[in-house]
Amino acid sequence: MATPPPSSPVTLLGATLNEEVGKLKEFIGLLNKEQDLLKRGDTEALLPLIETKTSLADALGALAQAREGLLHRLGLAGGREGMEAWVTRLGKGEPRQAWQTLLTLASEARTINVTNGKLIGLHMQHNQQAFTVLMNATNRAMTYGPDGQQQTGLGGRILGTA
């Protein structure tokens, strides 16, 4: 098989696939860092990470769209079916390996992301429980009404305030 020109859909698809693999590896690195921060409870460090994660997710989405467009230009179906047909057409080699790597990395990213979602859920549950405890304590705080008599609940003055 002759080498296709650099601007051909076949060449562009291979380059897009390789770029997608690289970005997905970077994304997994961020997911692992996010998981580490969640396990440590370091929510402050999560904020800058979210911006980078969003940017990478957008880049991955754009690469996936480019891949779909190139598959259509080659007369193939979109998605996994089209990619499988394309790598089968090319035979063994780098594109097949890159496609398998992409599938493996996507599965890994999905698993890490689910775990991170569960960790976030646990943090949210903990925060909600702490908030409930604080609200209940506030509602039971000793206050005094205008008649100087002790009251429970909100609406009076907290001891020590004027």
N, C-alpha and C. Protein backbone atom coordinates (compact mmCIF):
# COMPACT_ATOMS: atom_id res chain seq x y z
N MET A 1 0.84 -1.17 0.00
CA MET A 1 0.00 0.00 0.00
C MET A 1 0.89 1.24 0.00
N ALA A 2 0.64 2.18 -0.90
CA ALA A 2 1.45 3.40 -1.01
C ALA A 2 1.12 4.32 0.16
N THR A 3 2.11 5.12 0.55
CA THR A 3 1.92 6.07 1.65
C THR A 3 1.03 7.20 1.16
N PRO A 4 -0.07 7.49 1.89
CA PRO A 4 -0.98 8.56 1.46
C PRO A 4 -0.34 9.92 1.69
N PRO A 5 -0.77 10.94 0.92
CA PRO A 5 -0.22 12.29 1.13
C PRO A 5 -0.57 12.83 2.51
N PRO A 6 0.22 13.80 3.02
CA PRO A 6 0.03 14.31 4.38
C PRO A 6 -1.35 14.89 4.66
N SER A 7 -2.04 15.37 3.62
CA SER A 7 -3.34 15.99 3.84
C SER A 7 -4.51 15.05 3.56
N SER A 8 -4.21 13.78 3.30
CA SER A 8 -5.30 12.84 3.01
C SER A 8 -6.05 12.50 4.29
N PRO A 9 -7.34 12.13 4.16
CA PRO A 9 -8.11 11.76 5.35
C PRO A 9 -7.48 10.62 6.14
N VAL A 10 -6.83 9.69 5.46
CA VAL A 10 -6.19 8.56 6.14
C VAL A 10 -5.07 9.06 7.04
N THR A 11 -4.22 9.93 6.50
CA THR A 11 -3.10 10.48 7.27
C THR A 11 -3.62 11.35 8.41
N LEU A 12 -4.60 12.20 8.10
CA LEU A 12 -5.17 13.08 9.13
C LEU A 12 -5.85 12.28 10.24
N LEU A 13 -6.50 11.19 9.86
CA LEU A 13 -7.17 10.36 10.86
C LEU A 13 -6.15 9.72 11.79
N GLY A 14 -5.06 9.24 11.24
CA GLY A 14 -4.00 8.67 12.07
C GLY A 14 -3.41 9.71 13.02
N ALA A 15 -3.18 10.92 12.51
CA ALA A 15 -2.62 11.98 13.35
C ALA A 15 -3.62 12.40 14.43
N THR A 16 -4.88 12.48 14.07
CA THR A 16 -5.93 12.84 15.04
C THR A 16 -6.02 11.79 16.12
N LEU A 17 -5.96 10.54 15.73
CA LEU A 17 -6.02 9.44 16.69
C LEU A 17 -4.85 9.50 17.66
N ASN A 18 -3.66 9.75 17.15
CA ASN A 18 -2.48 9.85 18.02
C ASN A 18 -2.58 11.04 18.97
N GLU A 19 -3.10 12.16 18.47
CA GLU A 19 -3.27 13.34 19.32
C GLU A 19 -4.32 13.06 20.41
N GLU A 20 -5.35 12.35 20.03
CA GLU A 20 -6.40 12.00 20.98
C GLU A 20 -5.85 11.10 22.10
N VAL A 21 -5.00 10.16 21.73
CA VAL A 21 -4.37 9.28 22.73
C VAL A 21 -3.53 10.12 23.70
N GLY A 22 -2.76 11.06 23.16
CA GLY A 22 -1.93 11.92 24.01
C GLY A 22 -2.76 12.76 24.97
N LYS A 23 -3.83 13.36 24.46
CA LYS A 23 -4.71 14.19 25.31
C LYS A 23 -5.42 13.34 26.35
N LEU A 24 -5.79 12.13 25.98
CA LEU A 24 -6.47 11.25 26.93
C LEU A 24 -5.53 10.82 28.05
N LYS A 25 -4.27 10.59 27.73
CA LYS A 25 -3.29 10.28 28.78
C LYS A 25 -3.15 11.46 29.74
N GLU A 26 -3.11 12.66 29.18
CA GLU A 26 -3.03 13.88 30.00
C GLU A 26 -4.28 14.01 30.88
N PHE A 27 -5.42 13.71 30.31
CA PHE A 27 -6.70 13.78 31.03
C PHE A 27 -6.73 12.79 32.19
N ILE A 28 -6.23 11.59 31.95
CA ILE A 28 -6.18 10.57 33.01
C ILE A 28 -5.25 11.04 34.12
N GLY A 29 -4.15 11.67 33.76
CA GLY A 29 -3.25 12.22 34.78
C GLY A 29 -3.98 13.23 35.66
N LEU A 30 -4.79 14.08 35.05
CA LEU A 30 -5.57 15.05 35.83
C LEU A 30 -6.62 14.36 36.71
N LEU A 31 -7.26 13.34 36.17
CA LEU A 31 -8.25 12.60 36.96
C LEU A 31 -7.60 11.95 38.18
N ASN A 32 -6.41 11.40 37.98
CA ASN A 32 -5.69 10.79 39.11
C ASN A 32 -5.31 11.85 40.14
N LYS A 33 -4.87 13.02 39.67
CA LYS A 33 -4.53 14.11 40.58
C LYS A 33 -5.79 14.57 41.33
N GLU A 34 -6.90 14.66 40.62
CA GLU A 34 -8.17 15.04 41.24
C GLU A 34 -8.55 14.03 42.34
N GLN A 35 -8.38 12.76 42.03
CA GLN A 35 -8.71 11.71 43.00
C GLN A 35 -7.83 11.83 44.24
N ASP A 36 -6.56 12.10 44.02
CA ASP A 36 -5.63 12.27 45.14
C ASP A 36 -6.07 13.44 46.02
N LEU A 37 -6.42 14.56 45.41
CA LEU A 37 -6.86 15.74 46.16
C LEU A 37 -8.16 15.46 46.90
N LEU A 38 -9.05 14.72 46.28
CA LEU A 38 -10.32 14.37 46.93
C LEU A 38 -10.09 13.46 48.14
N LYS A 39 -9.18 12.53 48.00
CA LYS A 39 -8.87 11.63 49.11
C LYS A 39 -8.27 12.38 50.28
N ARG A 40 -7.46 13.41 49.97
CA ARG A 40 -6.85 14.22 51.02
C ARG A 40 -7.78 15.30 51.55
N GLY A 41 -8.88 15.54 50.83
CA GLY A 41 -9.81 16.58 51.25
C GLY A 41 -9.32 17.98 50.92
N ASP A 42 -8.42 18.10 49.98
CA ASP A 42 -7.84 19.39 49.60
C ASP A 42 -8.70 20.04 48.51
N THR A 43 -9.86 20.57 48.91
CA THR A 43 -10.78 21.14 47.94
C THR A 43 -10.27 22.44 47.33
N GLU A 44 -9.44 23.17 48.04
CA GLU A 44 -8.87 24.41 47.51
C GLU A 44 -8.05 24.15 46.24
N ALA A 45 -7.30 23.07 46.24
CA ALA A 45 -6.45 22.75 45.10
C ALA A 45 -7.25 22.22 43.91
N LEU A 46 -8.52 21.87 44.14
CA LEU A 46 -9.34 21.34 43.06
C LEU A 46 -9.77 22.42 42.07
N LEU A 47 -9.94 23.65 42.54
CA LEU A 47 -10.47 24.71 41.68
C LEU A 47 -9.65 24.95 40.42
N PRO A 48 -8.33 25.15 40.52
CA PRO A 48 -7.57 25.34 39.28
C PRO A 48 -7.54 24.09 38.40
N LEU A 49 -7.63 22.95 39.03
CA LEU A 49 -7.62 21.69 38.29
C LEU A 49 -8.87 21.55 37.42
N ILE A 50 -10.00 22.06 37.92
CA ILE A 50 -11.26 21.95 37.19
C ILE A 50 -11.19 22.70 35.86
N GLU A 51 -10.55 23.86 35.88
CA GLU A 51 -10.43 24.65 34.64
C GLU A 51 -9.61 23.88 33.61
N THR A 52 -8.50 23.31 34.03
CA THR A 52 -7.65 22.54 33.12
C THR A 52 -8.38 21.30 32.62
N LYS A 53 -9.09 20.66 33.52
CA LYS A 53 -9.85 19.45 33.17
C LYS A 53 -10.92 19.78 32.12
N THR A 54 -11.61 20.89 32.31
CA THR A 54 -12.64 21.30 31.36
C THR A 54 -12.04 21.59 30.00
N SER A 55 -10.91 22.26 29.98
CA SER A 55 -10.23 22.58 28.74
C SER A 55 -9.80 21.32 28.00
N LEU A 56 -9.27 20.36 28.74
CA LEU A 56 -8.86 19.09 28.13
C LEU A 56 -10.06 18.31 27.62
N ALA A 57 -11.14 18.32 28.37
CA ALA A 57 -12.37 17.62 27.94
C ALA A 57 -12.89 18.24 26.65
N ASP A 58 -12.83 19.57 26.54
CA ASP A 58 -13.25 20.23 25.31
C ASP A 58 -12.36 19.83 24.14
N ALA A 59 -11.05 19.78 24.39
CA ALA A 59 -10.11 19.39 23.34
C ALA A 59 -10.37 17.95 22.89
N LEU A 60 -10.64 17.08 23.84
CA LEU A 60 -10.95 15.68 23.49
C LEU A 60 -12.23 15.59 22.67
N GLY A 61 -13.21 16.40 23.03
CA GLY A 61 -14.46 16.43 22.27
C GLY A 61 -14.24 16.90 20.84
N ALA A 62 -13.41 17.93 20.67
CA ALA A 62 -13.10 18.44 19.33
C ALA A 62 -12.36 17.40 18.51
N LEU A 63 -11.44 16.68 19.14
CA LEU A 63 -10.71 15.63 18.42
C LEU A 63 -11.63 14.49 18.01
N ALA A 64 -12.56 14.14 18.89
CA ALA A 64 -13.52 13.08 18.55
C ALA A 64 -14.40 13.51 17.37
N GLN A 65 -14.80 14.78 17.35
CA GLN A 65 -15.60 15.29 16.23
C GLN A 65 -14.79 15.27 14.94
N ALA A 66 -13.53 15.66 15.04
CA ALA A 66 -12.66 15.64 13.86
C ALA A 66 -12.51 14.21 13.34
N ARG A 67 -12.35 13.28 14.26
CA ARG A 67 -12.23 11.86 13.87
C ARG A 67 -13.50 11.40 13.15
N GLU A 68 -14.65 11.79 13.68
CA GLU A 68 -15.92 11.42 13.04
C GLU A 68 -16.01 11.99 11.62
N GLY A 69 -15.63 13.27 11.49
CA GLY A 69 -15.67 13.89 10.17
C GLY A 69 -14.76 13.20 9.17
N LEU A 70 -13.57 12.82 9.63
CA LEU A 70 -12.64 12.12 8.75
C LEU A 70 -13.15 10.74 8.37
N LEU A 71 -13.80 10.07 9.29
CA LEU A 71 -14.39 8.76 8.97
C LEU A 71 -15.44 8.92 7.87
N HIS A 72 -16.26 9.95 7.99
CA HIS A 72 -17.31 10.19 6.98
C HIS A 72 -16.69 10.53 5.62
N ARG A 73 -15.57 11.31 5.65
CA ARG A 73 -14.89 11.64 4.40
C ARG A 73 -14.35 10.37 3.72
N LEU A 74 -14.05 9.37 4.53
CA LEU A 74 -13.56 8.09 3.98
C LEU A 74 -14.70 7.16 3.61
N GLY A 75 -15.93 7.63 3.80
CA GLY A 75 -17.09 6.81 3.44
C GLY A 75 -17.42 5.75 4.48
N LEU A 76 -16.98 5.96 5.71
CA LEU A 76 -17.20 4.98 6.78
C LEU A 76 -18.23 5.50 7.77
N ALA A 77 -18.81 4.58 8.49
CA ALA A 77 -19.75 4.94 9.55
C ALA A 77 -19.00 5.66 10.66
N GLY A 78 -19.73 6.36 11.48
CA GLY A 78 -19.11 7.04 12.61
C GLY A 78 -18.91 6.09 13.78
N GLY A 79 -18.26 6.62 14.80
CA GLY A 79 -18.11 5.90 16.06
C GLY A 79 -17.19 4.70 15.97
N ARG A 80 -17.43 3.81 16.89
CA ARG A 80 -16.58 2.62 17.01
C ARG A 80 -16.64 1.74 15.76
N GLU A 81 -17.83 1.64 15.19
CA GLU A 81 -18.00 0.81 13.99
C GLU A 81 -17.11 1.30 12.85
N GLY A 82 -17.09 2.60 12.64
CA GLY A 82 -16.27 3.17 11.57
C GLY A 82 -14.79 3.00 11.84
N MET A 83 -14.39 3.21 13.09
CA MET A 83 -12.98 3.04 13.43
C MET A 83 -12.54 1.59 13.26
N GLU A 84 -13.39 0.67 13.68
CA GLU A 84 -13.04 -0.75 13.51
C GLU A 84 -12.88 -1.09 12.03
N ALA A 85 -13.77 -0.55 11.20
CA ALA A 85 -13.67 -0.80 9.76
C ALA A 85 -12.39 -0.19 9.19
N TRP A 86 -12.05 1.01 9.66
CA TRP A 86 -10.85 1.69 9.16
C TRP A 86 -9.59 0.92 9.53
N VAL A 87 -9.45 0.52 10.80
CA VAL A 87 -8.23 -0.19 11.19
C VAL A 87 -8.17 -1.57 10.56
N THR A 88 -9.32 -2.18 10.31
CA THR A 88 -9.34 -3.48 9.63
C THR A 88 -8.86 -3.31 8.19
N ARG A 89 -9.30 -2.23 7.56
CA ARG A 89 -8.91 -1.93 6.18
C ARG A 89 -7.39 -1.73 6.08
N LEU A 90 -6.80 -1.09 7.11
CA LEU A 90 -5.36 -0.82 7.09
C LEU A 90 -4.51 -2.02 7.47
N GLY A 91 -5.13 -2.98 8.14
CA GLY A 91 -4.37 -4.15 8.59
C GLY A 91 -3.65 -3.85 9.90
N LYS A 92 -2.68 -4.68 10.22
CA LYS A 92 -1.92 -4.49 11.46
C LYS A 92 -1.04 -3.27 11.33
N GLY A 93 -0.74 -2.68 12.47
CA GLY A 93 0.16 -1.54 12.43
C GLY A 93 -0.19 -0.50 13.48
N GLU A 94 0.42 0.67 13.31
CA GLU A 94 0.29 1.74 14.30
C GLU A 94 -1.16 2.21 14.51
N PRO A 95 -1.95 2.42 13.46
CA PRO A 95 -3.33 2.87 13.70
C PRO A 95 -4.15 1.90 14.55
N ARG A 96 -3.99 0.62 14.29
CA ARG A 96 -4.73 -0.39 15.09
C ARG A 96 -4.29 -0.31 16.56
N GLN A 97 -2.99 -0.20 16.78
CA GLN A 97 -2.47 -0.10 18.15
C GLN A 97 -2.96 1.17 18.82
N ALA A 98 -2.95 2.28 18.08
CA ALA A 98 -3.42 3.56 18.65
C ALA A 98 -4.90 3.47 19.00
N TRP A 99 -5.68 2.82 18.14
CA TRP A 99 -7.12 2.67 18.42
C TRP A 99 -7.34 1.82 19.67
N GLN A 100 -6.62 0.71 19.79
CA GLN A 100 -6.75 -0.13 20.98
C GLN A 100 -6.32 0.63 22.23
N THR A 101 -5.25 1.41 22.12
CA THR A 101 -4.79 2.23 23.25
C THR A 101 -5.87 3.23 23.65
N LEU A 102 -6.47 3.87 22.65
CA LEU A 102 -7.53 4.85 22.93
C LEU A 102 -8.70 4.19 23.66
N LEU A 103 -9.10 3.02 23.23
CA LEU A 103 -10.21 2.31 23.89
C LEU A 103 -9.87 1.96 25.33
N THR A 104 -8.64 1.50 25.55
CA THR A 104 -8.20 1.14 26.89
C THR A 104 -8.16 2.37 27.79
N LEU A 105 -7.60 3.47 27.27
CA LEU A 105 -7.51 4.70 28.05
C LEU A 105 -8.89 5.28 28.35
N ALA A 106 -9.79 5.21 27.39
CA ALA A 106 -11.15 5.72 27.61
C ALA A 106 -11.84 4.94 28.72
N SER A 107 -11.64 3.64 28.74
CA SER A 107 -12.22 2.81 29.80
C SER A 107 -11.62 3.16 31.16
N GLU A 108 -10.31 3.37 31.18
CA GLU A 108 -9.62 3.74 32.42
C GLU A 108 -10.13 5.10 32.92
N ALA A 109 -10.26 6.06 32.00
CA ALA A 109 -10.75 7.40 32.38
C ALA A 109 -12.16 7.32 32.94
N ARG A 110 -13.00 6.51 32.32
CA ARG A 110 -14.38 6.34 32.79
C ARG A 110 -14.39 5.78 34.21
N THR A 111 -13.58 4.78 34.48
CA THR A 111 -13.52 4.17 35.81
C THR A 111 -13.05 5.16 36.86
N ILE A 112 -11.99 5.91 36.56
CA ILE A 112 -11.47 6.89 37.51
C ILE A 112 -12.51 7.98 37.75
N ASN A 113 -13.17 8.41 36.69
CA ASN A 113 -14.17 9.47 36.81
C ASN A 113 -15.35 9.03 37.68
N VAL A 114 -15.78 7.78 37.55
CA VAL A 114 -16.86 7.26 38.39
C VAL A 114 -16.43 7.25 39.85
N THR A 115 -15.21 6.81 40.10
CA THR A 115 -14.68 6.80 41.47
C THR A 115 -14.62 8.22 42.03
N ASN A 116 -14.15 9.17 41.22
CA ASN A 116 -14.09 10.56 41.67
C ASN A 116 -15.48 11.10 41.97
N GLY A 117 -16.44 10.73 41.17
CA GLY A 117 -17.82 11.14 41.42
C GLY A 117 -18.33 10.62 42.76
N LYS A 118 -17.97 9.39 43.08
CA LYS A 118 -18.37 8.82 44.37
C LYS A 118 -17.68 9.55 45.53
N LEU A 119 -16.41 9.89 45.35
CA LEU A 119 -15.69 10.63 46.38
C LEU A 119 -16.31 12.02 46.58
N ILE A 120 -16.67 12.66 45.49
CA ILE A 120 -17.33 13.97 45.59
C ILE A 120 -18.67 13.83 46.31
N GLY A 121 -19.40 12.77 46.00
CA GLY A 121 -20.67 12.50 46.69
C GLY A 121 -20.48 12.33 48.19
N LEU A 122 -19.42 11.63 48.58
CA LEU A 122 -19.14 11.45 50.01
C LEU A 122 -18.81 12.78 50.68
N HIS A 123 -18.02 13.61 49.99
CA HIS A 123 -17.69 14.93 50.54
C HIS A 123 -18.96 15.78 50.70
N MET A 124 -19.82 15.71 49.71
CA MET A 124 -21.07 16.48 49.77
C MET A 124 -21.95 15.99 50.91
N GLN A 125 -22.02 14.68 51.08
CA GLN A 125 -22.81 14.11 52.17
C GLN A 125 -22.25 14.55 53.52
N HIS A 126 -20.93 14.53 53.66
CA HIS A 126 -20.29 14.96 54.90
C HIS A 126 -20.59 16.44 55.17
N ASN A 127 -20.48 17.28 54.13
CA ASN A 127 -20.77 18.70 54.30
C ASN A 127 -22.23 18.93 54.68
N GLN A 128 -23.13 18.17 54.07
CA GLN A 128 -24.55 18.32 54.40
C GLN A 128 -24.82 17.91 55.85
N GLN A 129 -24.18 16.85 56.29
CA GLN A 129 -24.35 16.42 57.69
C GLN A 129 -23.80 17.48 58.64
N ALA A 130 -22.65 18.04 58.33
CA ALA A 130 -22.08 19.08 59.18
C ALA A 130 -22.98 20.31 59.19
N PHE A 131 -23.53 20.68 58.06
CA PHE A 131 -24.43 21.81 57.97
C PHE A 131 -25.69 21.57 58.81
N THR A 132 -26.23 20.36 58.74
CA THR A 132 -27.42 20.01 59.52
C THR A 132 -27.13 20.12 61.01
N VAL A 133 -25.98 19.62 61.44
CA VAL A 133 -25.60 19.70 62.86
C VAL A 133 -25.51 21.16 63.28
N LEU A 134 -24.88 21.98 62.47
CA LEU A 134 -24.75 23.41 62.80
C LEU A 134 -26.11 24.10 62.84
N MET A 135 -26.98 23.79 61.91
CA MET A 135 -28.31 24.41 61.90
C MET A 135 -29.10 23.98 63.14
N ASN A 136 -29.01 22.70 63.50
CA ASN A 136 -29.71 22.24 64.70
C ASN A 136 -29.16 22.91 65.95
N ALA A 137 -27.85 23.10 66.01
CA ALA A 137 -27.24 23.76 67.16
C ALA A 137 -27.70 25.22 67.23
N THR A 138 -27.79 25.87 66.09
CA THR A 138 -28.25 27.25 66.04
C THR A 138 -29.70 27.35 66.50
N ASN A 139 -30.50 26.41 66.07
CA ASN A 139 -31.92 26.42 66.45
C ASN A 139 -32.12 26.17 67.94
N ARG A 140 -31.16 25.52 68.57
CA ARG A 140 -31.28 25.23 70.00
C ARG A 140 -30.51 26.22 70.87
N ALA A 141 -29.85 27.18 70.23
CA ALA A 141 -29.06 28.14 71.00
C ALA A 141 -29.96 28.90 71.97
N MET A 142 -29.42 29.17 73.15
CA MET A 142 -30.19 29.90 74.14
C MET A 142 -30.27 31.36 73.73
N THR A 143 -31.48 31.84 73.59
CA THR A 143 -31.71 33.23 73.27
C THR A 143 -32.67 33.82 74.29
N TYR A 144 -32.75 35.13 74.31
CA TYR A 144 -33.63 35.83 75.24
C TYR A 144 -34.56 36.73 74.44
N GLY A 145 -35.81 36.69 74.79
CA GLY A 145 -36.81 37.51 74.14
C GLY A 145 -36.85 38.90 74.73
N PRO A 146 -37.75 39.76 74.22
CA PRO A 146 -37.87 41.13 74.71
C PRO A 146 -38.27 41.21 76.18
N ASP A 147 -38.90 40.14 76.69
CA ASP A 147 -39.32 40.14 78.09
C ASP A 147 -38.24 39.62 79.02
N GLY A 148 -37.04 39.28 78.45
CA GLY A 148 -35.93 38.80 79.26
C GLY A 148 -36.00 37.33 79.57
N GLN A 149 -37.01 36.63 79.06
CA GLN A 149 -37.16 35.20 79.31
C GLN A 149 -36.41 34.40 78.25
N GLN A 150 -35.87 33.25 78.68
CA GLN A 150 -35.14 32.37 77.77
C GLN A 150 -36.09 31.81 76.71
N GLN A 151 -35.59 31.74 75.44
CA GLN A 151 -36.36 31.15 74.35
C GLN A 151 -35.46 30.19 73.60
N THR A 152 -36.06 29.24 72.93
CA THR A 152 -35.27 28.38 72.05
C THR A 152 -35.69 28.70 70.63
N GLY A 153 -34.80 28.47 69.71
CA GLY A 153 -35.11 28.76 68.31
C GLY A 153 -34.61 30.13 67.93
N LEU A 154 -34.91 30.50 66.70
CA LEU A 154 -34.45 31.78 66.19
C LEU A 154 -35.43 32.88 66.56
N GLY A 155 -34.98 34.11 66.48
CA GLY A 155 -35.88 35.20 66.70
C GLY A 155 -35.50 36.04 67.91
N GLY A 156 -34.74 35.52 68.84
CA GLY A 156 -34.33 36.30 70.02
C GLY A 156 -32.91 36.75 69.86
N ARG A 157 -32.35 37.25 70.90
CA ARG A 157 -30.95 37.66 70.90
C ARG A 157 -30.10 36.57 71.49
N ILE A 158 -28.97 36.31 70.88
CA ILE A 158 -28.04 35.33 71.41
C ILE A 158 -27.35 35.92 72.60
N LEU A 159 -27.18 35.12 73.63
CA LEU A 159 -26.53 35.55 74.87
C LEU A 159 -25.21 36.24 74.52
N GLY A 160 -25.05 37.45 75.04
CA GLY A 160 -23.80 38.16 74.81
C GLY A 160 -23.90 39.19 73.69
N THR A 161 -25.05 39.31 73.03
CA THR A 161 -25.19 40.33 72.01
C THR A 161 -26.17 41.38 72.48
N ALA A 162 -26.05 42.56 71.99
CA ALA A 162 -26.95 43.63 72.39
C ALA A 162 -27.95 43.92 71.32
